[in-house]
């Protein structure tokens, strides 16, 4: 059985860390957007952690790419923590591994 989608947010100083886990699909995207948008306005650095993601579809990719575009436009520092191999392969196949600000979990 797949792990249900979950979002956990921790905030410290000027950094918000958003941990996504489970399946990121159409059903999860609205929750992601609802969580990210206010954080993008309040913090200088936003970390989106994909290390607990078990599945990522095209709507999830769109949510991540949209967050990246908003960050670039506003000057927000966005860091995306790499997900498991399955998630990384999707980013690679979409060519996003060369565009997105991906970091390893140990680099935070």
PDB file of N, CA and C in Angstrom:
ATOM      1  N   UNK A   1       0.837  -1.180   0.000  1.00  0.00           N
ATOM      2  CA  UNK A   1       0.000   0.000   0.000  1.00  0.00           C
ATOM      3  C   UNK A   1       0.884   1.245   0.000  1.00  0.00           C
ATOM      4  N   UNK A   2       0.517   2.211  -0.846  1.00  0.00           N
ATOM      5  CA  UNK A   2       1.275   3.449  -0.951  1.00  0.00           C
ATOM      6  C   UNK A   2       1.076   4.332   0.274  1.00  0.00           C
ATOM      7  N   UNK A   3       2.106   5.085   0.591  1.00  0.00           N
ATOM      8  CA  UNK A   3       2.054   6.030   1.697  1.00  0.00           C
ATOM      9  C   UNK A   3       1.180   7.210   1.290  1.00  0.00           C
ATOM     10  N   UNK A   4       0.218   7.629   2.136  1.00  0.00           N
ATOM     11  CA  UNK A   4      -0.627   8.762   1.780  1.00  0.00           C
ATOM     12  C   UNK A   4       0.181  10.057   1.740  1.00  0.00           C
ATOM     13  N   UNK A   5      -0.293  11.011   0.959  1.00  0.00           N
ATOM     14  CA  UNK A   5       0.386  12.283   0.824  1.00  0.00           C
ATOM     15  C   UNK A   5       0.345  13.051   2.137  1.00  0.00           C
ATOM     16  N   UNK A   6       1.469  13.726   2.446  1.00  0.00           N
ATOM     17  CA  UNK A   6       1.543  14.529   3.665  1.00  0.00           C
ATOM     18  C   UNK A   6       2.491  15.700   3.437  1.00  0.00           C
ATOM     19  N   UNK A   7       2.211  16.803   4.118  1.00  0.00           N
ATOM     20  CA  UNK A   7       3.085  17.980   4.100  1.00  0.00           C
ATOM     21  C   UNK A   7       3.403  18.333   5.541  1.00  0.00           C
ATOM     22  N   UNK A   8       4.683  18.535   5.810  1.00  0.00           N
ATOM     23  CA  UNK A   8       5.115  19.031   7.120  1.00  0.00           C
ATOM     24  C   UNK A   8       5.962  20.269   6.890  1.00  0.00           C
ATOM     25  N   UNK A   9       5.692  21.312   7.656  1.00  0.00           N
ATOM     26  CA  UNK A   9       6.414  22.571   7.519  1.00  0.00           C
ATOM     27  C   UNK A   9       7.123  22.890   8.823  1.00  0.00           C
ATOM     28  N   UNK A  10       8.401  23.221   8.713  1.00  0.00           N
ATOM     29  CA  UNK A  10       9.130  23.744   9.863  1.00  0.00           C
ATOM     30  C   UNK A  10       9.699  25.092   9.447  1.00  0.00           C
ATOM     31  N   UNK A  11       9.648  26.030  10.376  1.00  0.00           N
ATOM     32  CA  UNK A  11      10.086  27.383  10.084  1.00  0.00           C
ATOM     33  C   UNK A  11      11.122  27.807  11.115  1.00  0.00           C
ATOM     34  N   UNK A  12      12.248  28.355  10.626  1.00  0.00           N
ATOM     35  CA  UNK A  12      13.287  28.823  11.524  1.00  0.00           C
ATOM     36  C   UNK A  12      13.983  30.010  10.875  1.00  0.00           C
ATOM     37  N   UNK A  13      14.018  31.112  11.605  1.00  0.00           N
ATOM     38  CA  UNK A  13      14.631  32.348  11.117  1.00  0.00           C
ATOM     39  C   UNK A  13      14.014  32.721   9.768  1.00  0.00           C
ATOM     40  N   UNK A  14      14.818  32.839   8.735  1.00  0.00           N
ATOM     41  CA  UNK A  14      14.323  33.253   7.420  1.00  0.00           C
ATOM     42  C   UNK A  14      14.132  32.076   6.475  1.00  0.00           C
ATOM     43  N   UNK A  15      14.060  30.859   7.028  1.00  0.00           N
ATOM     44  CA  UNK A  15      13.971  29.652   6.200  1.00  0.00           C
ATOM     45  C   UNK A  15      12.712  28.851   6.542  1.00  0.00           C
ATOM     46  N   UNK A  16      11.986  28.464   5.507  1.00  0.00           N
ATOM     47  CA  UNK A  16      10.863  27.534   5.668  1.00  0.00           C
ATOM     48  C   UNK A  16      11.248  26.235   4.977  1.00  0.00           C
ATOM     49  N   UNK A  17      11.071  25.125   5.691  1.00  0.00           N
ATOM     50  CA  UNK A  17      11.404  23.798   5.161  1.00  0.00           C
ATOM     51  C   UNK A  17      10.094  23.025   5.016  1.00  0.00           C
ATOM     52  N   UNK A  18       9.755  22.694   3.770  1.00  0.00           N
ATOM     53  CA  UNK A  18       8.515  21.989   3.463  1.00  0.00           C
ATOM     54  C   UNK A  18       8.868  20.566   3.059  1.00  0.00           C
ATOM     55  N   UNK A  19       8.462  19.609   3.892  1.00  0.00           N
ATOM     56  CA  UNK A  19       8.733  18.197   3.616  1.00  0.00           C
ATOM     57  C   UNK A  19       7.486  17.570   2.997  1.00  0.00           C
ATOM     58  N   UNK A  20       7.633  17.104   1.770  1.00  0.00           N
ATOM     59  CA  UNK A  20       6.540  16.426   1.078  1.00  0.00           C
ATOM     60  C   UNK A  20       6.795  14.930   1.165  1.00  0.00           C
ATOM     61  N   UNK A  21       5.746  14.169   1.394  1.00  0.00           N
ATOM     62  CA  UNK A  21       5.921  12.722   1.428  1.00  0.00           C
ATOM     63  C   UNK A  21       4.692  12.041   0.832  1.00  0.00           C
ATOM     64  N   UNK A  22       4.897  10.821   0.365  1.00  0.00           N
ATOM     65  CA  UNK A  22       3.823  10.059  -0.262  1.00  0.00           C
ATOM     66  C   UNK A  22       3.721  10.386  -1.744  1.00  0.00           C
ATOM     67  N   UNK A  23       2.527  10.245  -2.278  1.00  0.00           N
ATOM     68  CA  UNK A  23       2.287  10.430  -3.708  1.00  0.00           C
ATOM     69  C   UNK A  23       1.918  11.867  -4.027  1.00  0.00           C
ATOM     70  N   UNK A  24       2.657  12.465  -4.969  1.00  0.00           N
ATOM     71  CA  UNK A  24       2.323  13.807  -5.437  1.00  0.00           C
ATOM     72  C   UNK A  24       1.665  13.655  -6.797  1.00  0.00           C
ATOM     73  N   UNK A  25       0.356  13.854  -6.784  1.00  0.00           N
ATOM     74  CA  UNK A  25      -0.446  13.750  -7.995  1.00  0.00           C
ATOM     75  C   UNK A  25      -1.479  14.870  -7.977  1.00  0.00           C
ATOM     76  N   UNK A  26      -2.446  14.806  -8.861  1.00  0.00           N
ATOM     77  CA  UNK A  26      -3.462  15.848  -8.973  1.00  0.00           C
ATOM     78  C   UNK A  26      -4.153  16.122  -7.642  1.00  0.00           C
ATOM     79  N   UNK A  27      -4.397  15.093  -6.871  1.00  0.00           N
ATOM     80  CA  UNK A  27      -5.083  15.259  -5.583  1.00  0.00           C
ATOM     81  C   UNK A  27      -4.243  16.035  -4.570  1.00  0.00           C
ATOM     82  N   UNK A  28      -2.925  16.026  -4.718  1.00  0.00           N
ATOM     83  CA  UNK A  28      -2.034  16.682  -3.754  1.00  0.00           C
ATOM     84  C   UNK A  28      -1.647  18.102  -4.141  1.00  0.00           C
ATOM     85  N   UNK A  29      -1.766  18.442  -5.406  1.00  0.00           N
ATOM     86  CA  UNK A  29      -1.233  19.708  -5.899  1.00  0.00           C
ATOM     87  C   UNK A  29      -1.863  20.922  -5.225  1.00  0.00           C
ATOM     88  N   UNK A  30      -3.151  20.914  -5.004  1.00  0.00           N
ATOM     89  CA  UNK A  30      -3.794  22.068  -4.365  1.00  0.00           C
ATOM     90  C   UNK A  30      -3.235  22.293  -2.957  1.00  0.00           C
ATOM     91  N   UNK A  31      -3.016  21.228  -2.209  1.00  0.00           N
ATOM     92  CA  UNK A  31      -2.433  21.349  -0.869  1.00  0.00           C
ATOM     93  C   UNK A  31      -1.017  21.909  -0.933  1.00  0.00           C
ATOM     94  N   UNK A  32      -0.261  21.492  -1.930  1.00  0.00           N
ATOM     95  CA  UNK A  32       1.105  21.993  -2.091  1.00  0.00           C
ATOM     96  C   UNK A  32       1.078  23.496  -2.365  1.00  0.00           C
ATOM     97  N   UNK A  33       0.269  23.897  -3.317  1.00  0.00           N
ATOM     98  CA  UNK A  33       0.164  25.327  -3.662  1.00  0.00           C
ATOM     99  C   UNK A  33      -0.321  26.141  -2.470  1.00  0.00           C
ATOM    100  N   UNK A  34      -1.320  25.664  -1.776  1.00  0.00           N
ATOM    101  CA  UNK A  34      -1.860  26.365  -0.612  1.00  0.00           C
ATOM    102  C   UNK A  34      -0.814  26.514   0.484  1.00  0.00           C
ATOM    103  N   UNK A  35       0.069  25.568   0.596  1.00  0.00           N
ATOM    104  CA  UNK A  35       1.143  25.633   1.586  1.00  0.00           C
ATOM    105  C   UNK A  35       2.267  26.548   1.128  1.00  0.00           C
ATOM    106  N   UNK A  36       2.699  26.415  -0.116  1.00  0.00           N
ATOM    107  CA  UNK A  36       3.861  27.154  -0.595  1.00  0.00           C
ATOM    108  C   UNK A  36       3.628  28.643  -0.773  1.00  0.00           C
ATOM    109  N   UNK A  37       2.515  29.029  -1.325  1.00  0.00           N
ATOM    110  CA  UNK A  37       2.305  30.443  -1.674  1.00  0.00           C
ATOM    111  C   UNK A  37       2.504  31.403  -0.503  1.00  0.00           C
ATOM    112  N   UNK A  38       1.884  31.190   0.654  1.00  0.00           N
ATOM    113  CA  UNK A  38       2.120  32.133   1.756  1.00  0.00           C
ATOM    114  C   UNK A  38       3.559  32.084   2.288  1.00  0.00           C
ATOM    115  N   UNK A  39       4.182  30.917   2.239  1.00  0.00           N
ATOM    116  CA  UNK A  39       5.567  30.800   2.701  1.00  0.00           C
ATOM    117  C   UNK A  39       6.510  31.571   1.787  1.00  0.00           C
ATOM    118  N   UNK A  40       6.229  31.561   0.499  1.00  0.00           N
ATOM    119  CA  UNK A  40       7.057  32.276  -0.472  1.00  0.00           C
ATOM    120  C   UNK A  40       7.045  33.778  -0.203  1.00  0.00           C
ATOM    121  N   UNK A  41       5.965  34.273   0.362  1.00  0.00           N
ATOM    122  CA  UNK A  41       5.850  35.701   0.654  1.00  0.00           C
ATOM    123  C   UNK A  41       6.545  36.083   1.963  1.00  0.00           C
ATOM    124  N   UNK A  42       6.676  35.154   2.889  1.00  0.00           N
ATOM    125  CA  UNK A  42       7.193  35.462   4.229  1.00  0.00           C
ATOM    126  C   UNK A  42       8.663  35.139   4.437  1.00  0.00           C
ATOM    127  N   UNK A  43       9.248  34.291   3.617  1.00  0.00           N
ATOM    128  CA  UNK A  43      10.608  33.818   3.866  1.00  0.00           C
ATOM    129  C   UNK A  43      11.550  34.163   2.723  1.00  0.00           C
ATOM    130  N   UNK A  44      12.827  34.240   3.055  1.00  0.00           N
ATOM    131  CA  UNK A  44      13.860  34.505   2.048  1.00  0.00           C
ATOM    132  C   UNK A  44      14.335  33.221   1.381  1.00  0.00           C
ATOM    133  N   UNK A  45      14.247  32.119   2.137  1.00  0.00           N
ATOM    134  CA  UNK A  45      14.687  30.821   1.621  1.00  0.00           C
ATOM    135  C   UNK A  45      13.583  29.800   1.854  1.00  0.00           C
ATOM    136  N   UNK A  46      13.299  29.039   0.824  1.00  0.00           N
ATOM    137  CA  UNK A  46      12.296  27.982   0.902  1.00  0.00           C
ATOM    138  C   UNK A  46      12.946  26.684   0.452  1.00  0.00           C
ATOM    139  N   UNK A  47      12.861  25.684   1.303  1.00  0.00           N
ATOM    140  CA  UNK A  47      13.384  24.358   0.978  1.00  0.00           C
ATOM    141  C   UNK A  47      12.192  23.435   0.763  1.00  0.00           C
ATOM    142  N   UNK A  48      12.125  22.836  -0.404  1.00  0.00           N
ATOM    143  CA  UNK A  48      11.087  21.855  -0.705  1.00  0.00           C
ATOM    144  C   UNK A  48      11.777  20.499  -0.748  1.00  0.00           C
ATOM    145  N   UNK A  49      11.434  19.659   0.201  1.00  0.00           N
ATOM    146  CA  UNK A  49      12.106  18.384   0.409  1.00  0.00           C
ATOM    147  C   UNK A  49      11.303  17.248  -0.224  1.00  0.00           C
ATOM    148  N   UNK A  50      11.877  16.625  -1.253  1.00  0.00           N
ATOM    149  CA  UNK A  50      11.214  15.528  -1.962  1.00  0.00           C
ATOM    150  C   UNK A  50      11.698  14.156  -1.493  1.00  0.00           C
ATOM    151  N   UNK A  51      12.512  14.113  -0.451  1.00  0.00           N
ATOM    152  CA  UNK A  51      13.126  12.840  -0.054  1.00  0.00           C
ATOM    153  C   UNK A  51      12.116  11.791   0.405  1.00  0.00           C
ATOM    154  N   UNK A  52      10.921  12.201   0.802  1.00  0.00           N
ATOM    155  CA  UNK A  52       9.903  11.247   1.230  1.00  0.00           C
ATOM    156  C   UNK A  52       8.832  10.970   0.178  1.00  0.00           C
ATOM    157  N   UNK A  53       9.031  11.479  -1.030  1.00  0.00           N
ATOM    158  CA  UNK A  53       8.043  11.317  -2.094  1.00  0.00           C
ATOM    159  C   UNK A  53       8.188   9.938  -2.728  1.00  0.00           C
ATOM    160  N   UNK A  54       7.069   9.248  -2.864  1.00  0.00           N
ATOM    161  CA  UNK A  54       7.085   7.899  -3.452  1.00  0.00           C
ATOM    162  C   UNK A  54       6.611   7.866  -4.901  1.00  0.00           C
ATOM    163  N   UNK A  55       5.909   8.927  -5.330  1.00  0.00           N
ATOM    164  CA  UNK A  55       5.373   8.984  -6.690  1.00  0.00           C
ATOM    165  C   UNK A  55       5.227  10.446  -7.067  1.00  0.00           C
ATOM    166  N   UNK A  56       5.552  10.781  -8.315  1.00  0.00           N
ATOM    167  CA  UNK A  56       5.443  12.150  -8.806  1.00  0.00           C
ATOM    168  C   UNK A  56       4.918  12.102 -10.226  1.00  0.00           C
ATOM    169  N   UNK A  57       3.760  12.737 -10.453  1.00  0.00           N
ATOM    170  CA  UNK A  57       3.213  12.758 -11.820  1.00  0.00           C
ATOM    171  C   UNK A  57       3.404  14.142 -12.433  1.00  0.00           C
ATOM    172  N   UNK A  58       2.855  14.343 -13.622  1.00  0.00           N
ATOM    173  CA  UNK A  58       3.069  15.605 -14.345  1.00  0.00           C
ATOM    174  C   UNK A  58       2.473  16.808 -13.622  1.00  0.00           C
ATOM    175  N   UNK A  59       1.380  16.624 -12.888  1.00  0.00           N
ATOM    176  CA  UNK A  59       0.819  17.759 -12.149  1.00  0.00           C
ATOM    177  C   UNK A  59       1.731  18.141 -10.980  1.00  0.00           C
ATOM    178  N   UNK A  60       2.374  17.159 -10.385  1.00  0.00           N
ATOM    179  CA  UNK A  60       3.354  17.435  -9.339  1.00  0.00           C
ATOM    180  C   UNK A  60       4.579  18.139  -9.900  1.00  0.00           C
ATOM    181  N   UNK A  61       5.022  17.717 -11.082  1.00  0.00           N
ATOM    182  CA  UNK A  61       6.131  18.395 -11.748  1.00  0.00           C
ATOM    183  C   UNK A  61       5.779  19.853 -12.011  1.00  0.00           C
ATOM    184  N   UNK A  62       4.562  20.087 -12.476  1.00  0.00           N
ATOM    185  CA  UNK A  62       4.122  21.450 -12.766  1.00  0.00           C
ATOM    186  C   UNK A  62       4.145  22.308 -11.511  1.00  0.00           C
ATOM    187  N   UNK A  63       3.720  21.761 -10.389  1.00  0.00           N
ATOM    188  CA  UNK A  63       3.722  22.511  -9.124  1.00  0.00           C
ATOM    189  C   UNK A  63       5.147  22.897  -8.726  1.00  0.00           C
ATOM    190  N   UNK A  64       6.086  22.000  -8.915  1.00  0.00           N
ATOM    191  CA  UNK A  64       7.480  22.277  -8.568  1.00  0.00           C
ATOM    192  C   UNK A  64       8.075  23.320  -9.516  1.00  0.00           C
ATOM    193  N   UNK A  65       7.807  23.163 -10.811  1.00  0.00           N
ATOM    194  CA  UNK A  65       8.316  24.118 -11.803  1.00  0.00           C
ATOM    195  C   UNK A  65       7.688  25.499 -11.573  1.00  0.00           C
ATOM    196  N   UNK A  66       6.427  25.549 -11.213  1.00  0.00           N
ATOM    197  CA  UNK A  66       5.753  26.827 -10.935  1.00  0.00           C
ATOM    198  C   UNK A  66       6.376  27.511  -9.725  1.00  0.00           C
ATOM    199  N   UNK A  67       6.674  26.739  -8.682  1.00  0.00           N
ATOM    200  CA  UNK A  67       7.328  27.307  -7.493  1.00  0.00           C
ATOM    201  C   UNK A  67       8.702  27.857  -7.863  1.00  0.00           C
ATOM    202  N   UNK A  68       9.423  27.149  -8.714  1.00  0.00           N
ATOM    203  CA  UNK A  68      10.733  27.612  -9.162  1.00  0.00           C
ATOM    204  C   UNK A  68      10.598  28.916  -9.945  1.00  0.00           C
ATOM    205  N   UNK A  69       9.632  28.996 -10.826  1.00  0.00           N
ATOM    206  CA  UNK A  69       9.429  30.215 -11.625  1.00  0.00           C
ATOM    207  C   UNK A  69       9.075  31.404 -10.727  1.00  0.00           C
ATOM    208  N   UNK A  70       8.211  31.176  -9.746  1.00  0.00           N
ATOM    209  CA  UNK A  70       7.852  32.265  -8.825  1.00  0.00           C
ATOM    210  C   UNK A  70       9.068  32.709  -8.015  1.00  0.00           C
ATOM    211  N   UNK A  71       9.887  31.752  -7.589  1.00  0.00           N
ATOM    212  CA  UNK A  71      11.084  32.077  -6.807  1.00  0.00           C
ATOM    213  C   UNK A  71      12.059  32.912  -7.633  1.00  0.00           C
ATOM    214  N   UNK A  72      12.278  32.526  -8.862  1.00  0.00           N
ATOM    215  CA  UNK A  72      13.197  33.273  -9.728  1.00  0.00           C
ATOM    216  C   UNK A  72      12.697  34.691  -9.944  1.00  0.00           C
ATOM    217  N   UNK A  73      11.400  34.838 -10.121  1.00  0.00           N
ATOM    218  CA  UNK A  73      10.805  36.150 -10.374  1.00  0.00           C
ATOM    219  C   UNK A  73      10.901  37.054  -9.141  1.00  0.00           C
ATOM    220  N   UNK A  74      10.710  36.492  -7.963  1.00  0.00           N
ATOM    221  CA  UNK A  74      10.668  37.298  -6.738  1.00  0.00           C
ATOM    222  C   UNK A  74      12.018  37.423  -6.028  1.00  0.00           C
ATOM    223  N   UNK A  75      13.003  36.637  -6.448  1.00  0.00           N
ATOM    224  CA  UNK A  75      14.305  36.676  -5.790  1.00  0.00           C
ATOM    225  C   UNK A  75      14.400  35.763  -4.576  1.00  0.00           C
ATOM    226  N   UNK A  76      13.398  34.940  -4.373  1.00  0.00           N
ATOM    227  CA  UNK A  76      13.407  33.970  -3.281  1.00  0.00           C
ATOM    228  C   UNK A  76      14.441  32.885  -3.576  1.00  0.00           C
ATOM    229  N   UNK A  77      15.183  32.464  -2.565  1.00  0.00           N
ATOM    230  CA  UNK A  77      16.098  31.340  -2.739  1.00  0.00           C
ATOM    231  C   UNK A  77      15.313  30.049  -2.532  1.00  0.00           C
ATOM    232  N   UNK A  78      15.220  29.251  -3.565  1.00  0.00           N
ATOM    233  CA  UNK A  78      14.526  27.971  -3.507  1.00  0.00           C
ATOM    234  C   UNK A  78      15.548  26.856  -3.612  1.00  0.00           C
ATOM    235  N   UNK A  79      15.434  25.893  -2.713  1.00  0.00           N
ATOM    236  CA  UNK A  79      16.260  24.689  -2.772  1.00  0.00           C
ATOM    237  C   UNK A  79      15.316  23.502  -2.784  1.00  0.00           C
ATOM    238  N   UNK A  80      15.561  22.569  -3.677  1.00  0.00           N
ATOM    239  CA  UNK A  80      14.738  21.373  -3.768  1.00  0.00           C
ATOM    240  C   UNK A  80      15.610  20.176  -3.408  1.00  0.00           C
ATOM    241  N   UNK A  81      15.264  19.525  -2.307  1.00  0.00           N
ATOM    242  CA  UNK A  81      16.016  18.358  -1.860  1.00  0.00           C
ATOM    243  C   UNK A  81      15.646  17.176  -2.746  1.00  0.00           C
ATOM    244  N   UNK A  82      16.664  16.534  -3.266  1.00  0.00           N
ATOM    245  CA  UNK A  82      16.450  15.402  -4.181  1.00  0.00           C
ATOM    246  C   UNK A  82      15.578  14.323  -3.536  1.00  0.00           C
ATOM    247  N   UNK A  83      14.775  13.704  -4.386  1.00  0.00           N
ATOM    248  CA  UNK A  83      13.935  12.611  -3.935  1.00  0.00           C
ATOM    249  C   UNK A  83      14.616  11.278  -4.180  1.00  0.00           C
ATOM    250  N   UNK A  84      13.902  10.196  -3.888  1.00  0.00           N
ATOM    251  CA  UNK A  84      14.435   8.857  -4.166  1.00  0.00           C
ATOM    252  C   UNK A  84      14.696   8.674  -5.665  1.00  0.00           C
ATOM    253  N   UNK A  85      15.385   7.621  -5.991  1.00  0.00           N
ATOM    254  CA  UNK A  85      15.766   7.360  -7.385  1.00  0.00           C
ATOM    255  C   UNK A  85      14.573   7.442  -8.344  1.00  0.00           C
ATOM    256  N   UNK A  86      13.461   6.910  -7.933  1.00  0.00           N
ATOM    257  CA  UNK A  86      12.261   6.912  -8.781  1.00  0.00           C
ATOM    258  C   UNK A  86      11.834   8.340  -9.128  1.00  0.00           C
ATOM    259  N   UNK A  87      11.883   9.241  -8.157  1.00  0.00           N
ATOM    260  CA  UNK A  87      11.508  10.640  -8.362  1.00  0.00           C
ATOM    261  C   UNK A  87      12.579  11.350  -9.186  1.00  0.00           C
ATOM    262  N   UNK A  88      13.839  11.087  -8.887  1.00  0.00           N
ATOM    263  CA  UNK A  88      14.925  11.711  -9.627  1.00  0.00           C
ATOM    264  C   UNK A  88      14.888  11.324 -11.103  1.00  0.00           C
ATOM    265  N   UNK A  89      14.495  10.090 -11.378  1.00  0.00           N
ATOM    266  CA  UNK A  89      14.418   9.639 -12.767  1.00  0.00           C
ATOM    267  C   UNK A  89      13.374  10.440 -13.540  1.00  0.00           C
ATOM    268  N   UNK A  90      12.270  10.749 -12.912  1.00  0.00           N
ATOM    269  CA  UNK A  90      11.218  11.544 -13.557  1.00  0.00           C
ATOM    270  C   UNK A  90      11.748  12.950 -13.852  1.00  0.00           C
ATOM    271  N   UNK A  91      12.442  13.553 -12.880  1.00  0.00           N
ATOM    272  CA  UNK A  91      13.020  14.875 -13.098  1.00  0.00           C
ATOM    273  C   UNK A  91      14.044  14.833 -14.237  1.00  0.00           C
ATOM    274  N   UNK A  92      14.837  13.773 -14.268  1.00  0.00           N
ATOM    275  CA  UNK A  92      15.845  13.603 -15.313  1.00  0.00           C
ATOM    276  C   UNK A  92      15.185  13.462 -16.693  1.00  0.00           C
ATOM    277  N   UNK A  93      14.178  12.615 -16.794  1.00  0.00           N
ATOM    278  CA  UNK A  93      13.513  12.394 -18.076  1.00  0.00           C
ATOM    279  C   UNK A  93      12.838  13.660 -18.597  1.00  0.00           C
ATOM    280  N   UNK A  94      12.383  14.509 -17.668  1.00  0.00           N
ATOM    281  CA  UNK A  94      11.749  15.772 -18.054  1.00  0.00           C
ATOM    282  C   UNK A  94      12.786  16.873 -18.309  1.00  0.00           C
ATOM    283  N   UNK A  95      14.074  16.580 -18.058  1.00  0.00           N
ATOM    284  CA  UNK A  95      15.124  17.568 -18.247  1.00  0.00           C
ATOM    285  C   UNK A  95      15.200  18.602 -17.137  1.00  0.00           C
ATOM    286  N   UNK A  96      14.471  18.376 -16.063  1.00  0.00           N
ATOM    287  CA  UNK A  96      14.405  19.346 -14.975  1.00  0.00           C
ATOM    288  C   UNK A  96      15.587  19.258 -14.022  1.00  0.00           C
ATOM    289  N   UNK A  97      16.331  18.168 -14.079  1.00  0.00           N
ATOM    290  CA  UNK A  97      17.507  18.036 -13.213  1.00  0.00           C
ATOM    291  C   UNK A  97      18.567  19.078 -13.559  1.00  0.00           C
ATOM    292  N   UNK A  98      18.523  19.634 -14.766  1.00  0.00           N
ATOM    293  CA  UNK A  98      19.475  20.648 -15.192  1.00  0.00           C
ATOM    294  C   UNK A  98      18.982  22.063 -14.914  1.00  0.00           C
ATOM    295  N   UNK A  99      17.707  22.193 -14.602  1.00  0.00           N
ATOM    296  CA  UNK A  99      17.094  23.515 -14.435  1.00  0.00           C
ATOM    297  C   UNK A  99      16.801  23.839 -12.976  1.00  0.00           C
ATOM    298  N   UNK A 100      16.260  22.873 -12.258  1.00  0.00           N
ATOM    299  CA  UNK A 100      15.834  23.109 -10.882  1.00  0.00           C
ATOM    300  C   UNK A 100      17.033  23.187  -9.935  1.00  0.00           C
ATOM    301  N   UNK A 101      16.902  23.961  -8.861  1.00  0.00           N
ATOM    302  CA  UNK A 101      17.980  24.083  -7.868  1.00  0.00           C
ATOM    303  C   UNK A 101      17.999  22.897  -6.913  1.00  0.00           C
ATOM    304  N   UNK A 102      18.431  21.739  -7.399  1.00  0.00           N
ATOM    305  CA  UNK A 102      18.435  20.509  -6.620  1.00  0.00           C
ATOM    306  C   UNK A 102      19.644  20.437  -5.699  1.00  0.00           C
ATOM    307  N   UNK A 103      19.399  19.968  -4.472  1.00  0.00           N
ATOM    308  CA  UNK A 103      20.473  19.773  -3.501  1.00  0.00           C
ATOM    309  C   UNK A 103      20.317  18.397  -2.865  1.00  0.00           C
ATOM    310  N   UNK A 104      21.418  17.860  -2.385  1.00  0.00           N
ATOM    311  CA  UNK A 104      21.376  16.612  -1.643  1.00  0.00           C
ATOM    312  C   UNK A 104      20.963  16.896  -0.203  1.00  0.00           C
ATOM    313  N   UNK A 105      20.337  15.948   0.470  1.00  0.00           N
ATOM    314  CA  UNK A 105      19.905  16.186   1.862  1.00  0.00           C
ATOM    315  C   UNK A 105      21.051  16.633   2.777  1.00  0.00           C
ATOM    316  N   UNK A 106      22.239  16.129   2.569  1.00  0.00           N
ATOM    317  CA  UNK A 106      23.374  16.494   3.407  1.00  0.00           C
ATOM    318  C   UNK A 106      23.927  17.889   3.150  1.00  0.00           C
ATOM    319  N   UNK A 107      23.468  18.542   2.079  1.00  0.00           N
ATOM    320  CA  UNK A 107      23.987  19.865   1.703  1.00  0.00           C
ATOM    321  C   UNK A 107      23.217  21.016   2.352  1.00  0.00           C
ATOM    322  N   UNK A 108      22.281  20.718   3.207  1.00  0.00           N
ATOM    323  CA  UNK A 108      21.485  21.794   3.819  1.00  0.00           C
ATOM    324  C   UNK A 108      22.165  22.395   5.026  1.00  0.00           C
TER     325      UNK A 108
END
